[in-house]
Protein backbone atom coordinates (compact mmCIF):
# COMPACT_ATOMS: atom_id res chain seq x y z
CA MET A 1 23.44 159.29 30.98
CA THR A 2 22.98 156.27 28.65
CA GLY A 3 19.53 155.05 27.64
CA ARG A 4 19.95 152.01 29.88
CA ARG A 5 21.02 154.10 32.86
CA LEU A 6 18.13 156.47 32.25
CA LEU A 7 15.77 153.55 32.14
CA ARG A 8 17.29 152.09 35.34
CA VAL A 9 16.72 155.40 37.13
CA ALA A 10 13.10 155.58 36.07
CA LEU A 11 12.61 152.21 37.35
CA ILE A 12 14.03 153.05 40.60
CA ALA A 13 11.86 156.19 40.63
CA LEU A 14 8.88 153.87 39.89
CA VAL A 15 9.68 151.73 42.93
CA LEU A 16 9.66 154.65 45.15
CA SER A 17 6.50 156.32 43.72
CA VAL A 18 4.52 153.24 44.23
CA VAL A 19 6.00 152.87 47.81
CA ALA A 20 4.07 155.96 48.47
CA ALA A 21 1.00 154.52 47.24
CA GLY A 22 1.47 151.34 49.51
CA CYS A 23 2.28 153.02 52.67
CA GLY A 24 -0.75 154.95 53.65
CA GLU A 25 -2.82 154.34 56.75
CA GLY A 26 -3.54 150.55 57.21
CA SER A 27 -1.18 149.58 54.38
CA GLY A 28 0.60 146.25 54.34
CA ALA A 29 3.78 148.21 54.89
CA GLU A 30 2.52 149.72 58.21
CA ARG A 31 1.37 146.27 59.51
CA VAL A 32 4.97 144.77 59.19
CA GLU A 33 6.48 144.92 62.71
CA MET A 34 9.05 142.22 62.32
CA PRO A 35 10.66 140.92 59.02
CA PRO A 36 9.12 137.90 57.66
CA PRO A 37 11.08 134.72 57.96
CA PRO A 38 13.77 134.00 55.25
CA PRO A 39 12.52 131.86 52.36
CA LYS A 40 13.99 128.50 51.86
CA PRO A 41 15.04 127.35 48.21
CA GLU A 42 13.18 124.04 48.70
CA ASP A 43 9.78 126.04 48.94
CA PHE A 44 10.20 127.02 45.24
CA PRO A 45 10.40 125.03 42.08
CA ASP A 46 13.82 123.87 41.02
CA ALA A 47 14.98 125.38 37.66
CA ASP A 48 15.69 121.90 36.60
CA GLY A 49 16.76 123.05 32.87
CA ARG A 50 13.56 124.86 32.58
CA THR A 51 13.23 128.26 30.66
CA LEU A 52 11.73 131.22 32.41
CA ALA A 53 8.48 130.87 30.29
CA GLU A 54 8.29 127.16 31.40
CA LEU A 55 8.73 128.25 35.08
CA ARG A 56 6.11 131.03 34.68
CA GLN A 57 3.72 128.33 33.19
CA LYS A 58 4.40 125.98 36.08
CA VAL A 59 3.42 128.58 38.54
CA GLY A 60 0.59 129.71 36.59
CA GLU A 61 -0.97 132.84 38.13
CA ALA A 62 0.34 136.29 37.39
CA GLY A 63 1.22 138.02 40.63
CA PRO A 64 3.32 141.17 41.61
CA ILE A 65 5.32 143.51 39.57
CA LEU A 66 9.11 143.22 40.38
CA VAL A 67 11.26 146.37 40.09
CA PRO A 68 15.18 146.16 40.30
CA THR A 69 16.75 149.03 42.32
CA VAL A 70 20.41 148.16 41.08
CA SER A 71 22.11 148.79 37.84
CA GLU A 72 25.60 147.45 38.28
CA LEU A 73 25.89 143.58 37.81
CA ALA A 74 28.82 141.58 36.88
CA PRO A 75 29.56 137.83 36.29
CA GLY A 76 29.64 136.07 39.64
CA SER A 77 27.79 136.72 42.76
CA ASN A 78 25.51 139.78 42.90
CA ARG A 79 23.50 141.69 45.41
CA PHE A 80 20.21 142.23 43.65
CA GLY A 81 17.76 144.67 45.28
CA PHE A 82 14.18 144.95 44.08
CA GLY A 83 10.74 145.94 45.23
CA LEU A 84 7.44 144.02 44.87
CA PHE A 85 4.13 145.86 43.98
CA ASP A 86 0.60 144.45 43.56
CA ARG A 87 -1.63 145.40 40.67
CA ALA A 88 -3.17 148.21 42.86
CA ARG A 89 0.50 149.73 43.12
CA ALA A 90 0.72 148.86 46.81
CA GLN A 91 4.16 147.61 48.09
CA ILE A 92 4.24 143.99 49.23
CA ALA A 93 6.65 143.90 52.01
CA ASP A 94 6.13 140.47 53.83
CA ALA A 95 5.98 137.86 51.07
CA SER A 96 8.41 134.82 50.75
CA THR A 97 10.06 135.31 47.33
CA SER A 98 12.94 134.00 45.19
CA VAL A 99 14.20 135.05 41.77
CA TYR A 100 15.27 133.25 38.71
CA VAL A 101 17.59 134.36 35.96
CA ALA A 102 18.17 133.06 32.31
CA PRO A 103 19.99 134.57 29.36
CA ALA A 104 17.97 137.07 27.32
CA GLY A 105 16.33 135.40 24.43
CA GLY A 106 15.72 131.99 26.02
CA GLY A 107 17.93 129.35 27.66
CA PRO A 108 17.96 127.26 30.94
CA ALA A 109 17.13 129.22 34.04
CA ARG A 110 19.16 129.43 37.17
CA GLY A 111 17.63 129.51 40.64
CA PRO A 112 15.78 129.91 42.89
CA PHE A 113 17.77 132.55 44.56
CA PRO A 114 15.82 133.40 47.84
CA ALA A 115 15.39 137.01 48.83
CA ARG A 116 15.55 138.49 52.20
CA TYR A 117 13.46 141.45 53.40
CA GLU A 118 15.41 144.60 54.57
CA SER A 119 13.94 147.31 56.53
CA LEU A 120 14.97 150.93 56.03
CA ALA A 121 13.63 152.00 59.32
CA VAL A 122 15.68 153.98 61.89
CA ARG A 123 15.14 154.93 65.41
CA PRO A 124 13.07 158.16 65.86
CA GLU A 125 16.07 160.23 66.98
CA PHE A 126 17.73 159.62 63.46
CA LEU A 127 14.61 160.05 61.40
CA SER A 128 15.33 163.50 59.42
CA ARG A 129 12.69 165.86 58.40
CA SER A 130 13.87 165.15 54.65
CA VAL A 131 12.38 161.56 55.23
CA SER A 132 9.53 162.27 57.66
CA THR A 133 7.95 164.73 55.25
CA ASP A 134 8.62 162.90 51.96
CA ALA A 135 5.96 160.67 51.12
CA ASP A 136 8.04 158.95 48.44
CA ALA A 137 10.73 157.95 50.79
CA ALA A 138 11.61 154.28 50.62
CA LYS A 139 10.73 152.07 53.58
CA GLN A 140 11.91 148.51 52.79
CA LEU A 141 13.15 146.44 49.92
CA TYR A 142 14.15 142.80 49.07
CA VAL A 143 17.62 141.56 48.47
CA ALA A 144 18.75 138.29 46.87
CA GLY A 145 22.15 137.04 46.05
CA VAL A 146 22.04 136.29 42.36
CA ASP A 147 24.88 134.29 40.65
CA LEU A 148 25.42 135.11 37.04
CA PRO A 149 27.96 132.77 35.14
CA ARG A 150 28.89 135.42 32.29
CA THR A 151 28.32 138.72 30.92
CA GLY A 152 25.47 139.89 28.71
CA GLU A 153 21.70 140.41 29.16
CA TRP A 154 19.79 138.28 31.67
CA GLU A 155 16.11 138.13 32.10
CA VAL A 156 14.60 137.97 35.79
CA LEU A 157 11.59 136.15 37.06
CA GLY A 158 10.39 136.38 40.59
CA VAL A 159 8.18 133.68 42.33
CA THR A 160 6.35 134.95 45.36
CA ARG A 161 4.04 133.16 47.98
CA LEU A 162 0.96 135.03 48.42
CA ASP A 163 -2.15 133.59 50.30
CA ASN A 164 -0.50 130.30 50.43
CA ARG A 165 -0.01 130.00 46.62
CA LEU A 166 2.97 130.62 44.34
CA VAL A 167 2.55 133.38 41.80
CA ALA A 168 4.91 134.74 39.29
CA ALA A 169 6.31 138.15 39.91
CA THR A 170 6.75 139.83 36.51
CA PRO A 171 9.95 142.09 35.92
CA ALA A 172 9.57 145.72 35.09
CA GLY A 173 11.67 147.10 32.09
CA ARG A 174 14.46 145.51 30.03
CA PRO A 175 16.75 142.46 30.90
CA LEU A 176 19.52 143.26 33.32
CA LEU A 177 23.15 143.68 31.85
CA ALA A 178 26.03 142.01 33.49
CA LYS A 179 29.42 143.36 32.45
CA LYS A 180 32.98 142.53 33.30
CA ASP A 181 34.75 145.83 32.95
CA SER A 182 32.81 148.41 34.96
CA PRO A 183 34.60 151.76 35.66
CA ILE A 184 33.27 151.80 39.25
CA PRO A 185 35.78 150.65 41.77
CA LYS A 186 35.13 147.13 42.92
CA VAL A 187 36.12 145.27 46.10
CA GLY A 188 39.88 145.13 46.26
CA ASP A 189 40.47 148.06 44.11
CA PRO A 190 42.31 151.26 45.46
CA ALA A 191 39.82 153.94 46.47
CA PRO A 192 40.22 157.16 44.35
CA ARG A 193 41.70 159.93 46.46
CA ILE A 194 39.28 162.64 46.54
CA HIS A 195 38.83 165.75 48.59
CA THR A 196 35.41 165.85 50.42
CA GLU A 197 33.98 169.13 51.56
CA THR A 198 33.82 169.72 55.06
CA ALA A 199 31.94 172.05 57.27
CA ALA A 200 35.26 174.14 57.75
CA ASP A 201 35.59 174.53 53.99
CA VAL A 202 32.27 176.31 53.70
CA GLY A 203 32.47 178.27 56.74
CA GLY A 204 29.92 176.51 58.54
CA ASP A 205 27.39 176.83 55.59
CA ILE A 206 26.55 172.93 55.66
CA GLY A 207 23.56 173.41 53.69
CA SER A 208 25.53 174.12 50.71
CA ILE A 209 27.19 170.51 50.98
CA ASP A 210 24.30 168.58 52.33
CA THR A 211 20.56 168.58 51.29
CA ARG A 212 19.43 166.73 54.21
CA GLU A 213 17.32 168.49 56.96
CA PRO A 214 18.94 168.76 59.39
CA PRO A 215 22.40 168.29 57.77
CA SER A 216 24.05 165.11 58.65
CA THR A 217 27.08 165.01 61.06
CA MET A 218 29.38 163.49 58.44
CA HIS A 219 31.17 166.50 57.14
CA GLU A 220 33.79 166.82 59.87
CA VAL A 221 36.75 165.06 57.84
CA ASP A 222 38.18 165.36 54.33
CA PHE A 223 38.34 161.86 52.81
CA ALA A 224 41.95 162.65 51.35
CA ASP A 225 43.15 163.07 54.93
CA VAL A 226 42.00 159.82 56.18
CA VAL A 227 42.10 157.35 53.28
CA GLY A 228 44.92 154.83 53.74
CA LYS A 229 45.14 155.54 57.28
CA LYS A 230 41.72 154.68 59.00
CA PRO A 231 38.74 152.63 57.82
CA VAL A 232 36.25 154.90 56.00
CA ILE A 233 32.60 154.70 54.98
CA LEU A 234 31.86 157.02 52.09
CA LEU A 235 28.21 157.65 51.25
CA LEU A 236 27.44 159.37 47.93
CA ALA A 237 23.91 160.63 48.41
CA THR A 238 21.69 163.57 47.89
CA PRO A 239 18.56 163.44 50.24
CA ALA A 240 16.65 166.18 48.54
CA LEU A 241 17.63 165.58 44.98
CA CYS A 242 17.79 161.78 44.78
CA GLN A 243 15.86 160.54 41.81
CA SER A 244 15.49 157.02 43.39
CA ARG A 245 14.06 158.64 46.59
CA VAL A 246 16.24 156.34 48.77
CA CYS A 247 19.05 158.84 49.53
CA GLY A 248 17.42 160.22 52.64
CA PRO A 249 16.58 156.90 54.14
CA VAL A 250 20.16 155.80 53.86
CA VAL A 251 21.91 158.90 55.12
CA ASP A 252 19.41 158.53 58.08
CA ILE A 253 20.74 154.86 58.49
CA ALA A 254 24.40 155.90 58.19
CA GLU A 255 23.66 158.58 60.94
CA GLN A 256 22.41 155.93 63.27
CA VAL A 257 25.22 153.31 62.54
CA LYS A 258 27.78 156.28 62.88
CA SER A 259 26.43 157.06 66.36
CA GLU A 260 27.07 153.33 67.36
CA ARG A 261 30.24 152.76 65.41
CA GLY A 262 31.92 156.06 64.68
CA ASP A 263 34.90 155.15 66.91
CA GLU A 264 35.65 152.22 64.37
CA ALA A 265 35.49 153.90 61.18
CA VAL A 266 35.28 157.67 59.77
CA PHE A 267 31.72 158.21 58.37
CA ILE A 268 31.69 160.85 55.33
CA HIS A 269 28.67 162.12 53.43
CA GLN A 270 29.28 163.49 49.99
CA GLU A 271 26.63 165.35 48.07
CA VAL A 272 26.07 164.38 44.49
CA PHE A 273 25.30 167.43 42.22
CA ARG A 274 27.22 170.63 41.59
CA ASP A 275 25.83 173.34 43.86
CA ASN A 276 23.00 171.06 44.65
CA ASP A 277 21.69 171.50 41.19
CA VAL A 278 20.74 168.54 39.15
CA SER A 279 21.25 170.52 35.81
CA LYS A 280 24.74 171.11 36.77
CA GLY A 281 25.81 167.63 36.76
CA PHE A 282 27.72 165.65 39.29
CA ARG A 283 30.30 167.04 41.66
CA PRO A 284 33.97 166.13 40.75
CA GLN A 285 34.02 163.89 43.84
CA VAL A 286 31.36 161.71 42.44
CA ASN A 287 32.85 161.74 38.82
CA ALA A 288 35.93 160.43 40.42
CA TRP A 289 34.10 157.31 41.46
CA ARG A 290 32.67 156.99 38.23
CA VAL A 291 29.26 156.27 39.33
CA ARG A 292 25.97 157.31 37.32
CA THR A 293 23.19 156.53 39.89
CA GLU A 294 22.70 157.47 43.40
CA PRO A 295 23.12 156.52 46.25
CA TRP A 296 26.38 154.50 46.53
CA LEU A 297 28.12 153.28 49.53
CA PHE A 298 31.82 152.52 49.66
CA ALA A 299 33.51 150.84 52.74
CA ILE A 300 37.27 151.43 52.57
CA GLY A 301 39.91 149.52 54.65
CA ARG A 302 42.75 150.88 56.40
CA ASP A 303 45.00 149.96 53.54
CA GLY A 304 42.91 152.33 51.19
CA SER A 305 41.28 149.59 49.24
CA VAL A 306 37.63 149.13 48.73
CA ALA A 307 36.41 146.43 51.20
CA ALA A 308 32.64 146.52 50.24
CA ARG A 309 30.27 148.52 48.13
CA ILE A 310 26.39 148.86 47.89
CA GLU A 311 24.37 150.29 45.12
CA GLY A 312 20.99 151.93 46.00
CA ALA A 313 19.03 151.22 49.15
CA PHE A 314 20.57 149.34 52.29
CA SER A 315 19.57 148.58 55.59
CA ALA A 316 21.35 149.15 58.98
CA LYS A 317 22.30 145.47 59.14
CA GLU A 318 23.76 145.65 55.61
CA LEU A 319 25.76 148.88 56.59
CA ASN A 320 27.14 147.20 59.64
CA GLU A 321 28.24 144.38 57.48
CA ALA A 322 29.98 146.91 55.34
CA VAL A 323 31.75 148.46 58.48
CA ASP A 324 32.83 145.12 59.54
CA ALA A 325 34.47 144.54 56.19
CA ALA A 326 36.27 147.96 56.35
CA VAL A 327 37.56 147.33 59.94
CA GLY A 328 38.51 143.74 59.40
CA LYS A 329 36.03 141.94 61.47
């Protein structure tokens, strides 16, 4: 990996390590039973030509730490996932939040971009042992639609309402990088034709192709046999070895959505590392998609082109929207 990608992986790992610290008995994460109402742009300062430094000064108080959970950004509209944590390292899951962006090094800010809350919870019957026994497994995240007008490095500032006051959410790590020519297939691109490993290929030894406990039910079909013929949901994830600690939760989410919509699209889970060993690098199927983080979800339409893609954690709602894109709803 490049230094930037290693940094992004480390930041994602930080997100989940502090989730564990914030999800103990009586934590704010446990108290959240319903998602908070979506924030409104008018509830936050307008950028109005200000720099991020000027916006931070206008808000005044220093508040949470904002940690991005995505690494792939491009000019235009982007799904920007992130976590918020207080100074005691506890996750903040119910705060009204917006984000602002500005060119690295200074310049007028853009925003506010309101962020919605997304739960990673599943019904009990779809909760794997992999997740239920993993104190570091993710529970929720924030997602904002962020518009970047051009390539280059972009700094981020969050503004969060806590105790009826606005505070600045300081970003962790380096500025974000928006690039135009990512090798990862984007919406509209043809899906790389890969052979995904099935239970039949390994003589029923599903543990060799799935680190989830118990293994998922998404190893019945080879991707190459259905791409271009049926809508496909392809999930590149490794529940036991995921550096971001979100693979387990999203595979559970995929299992739940598959139980509801498996008649509309073929759901396929592909493990990430050769022989389930991080030191051996990515499996050839993962290399074919040119991704360098995990997990990734690709929704492929009946015509064989990518209809939607999501990097990192996602909710059941977001997965259902990806399925809708694949089946043409």
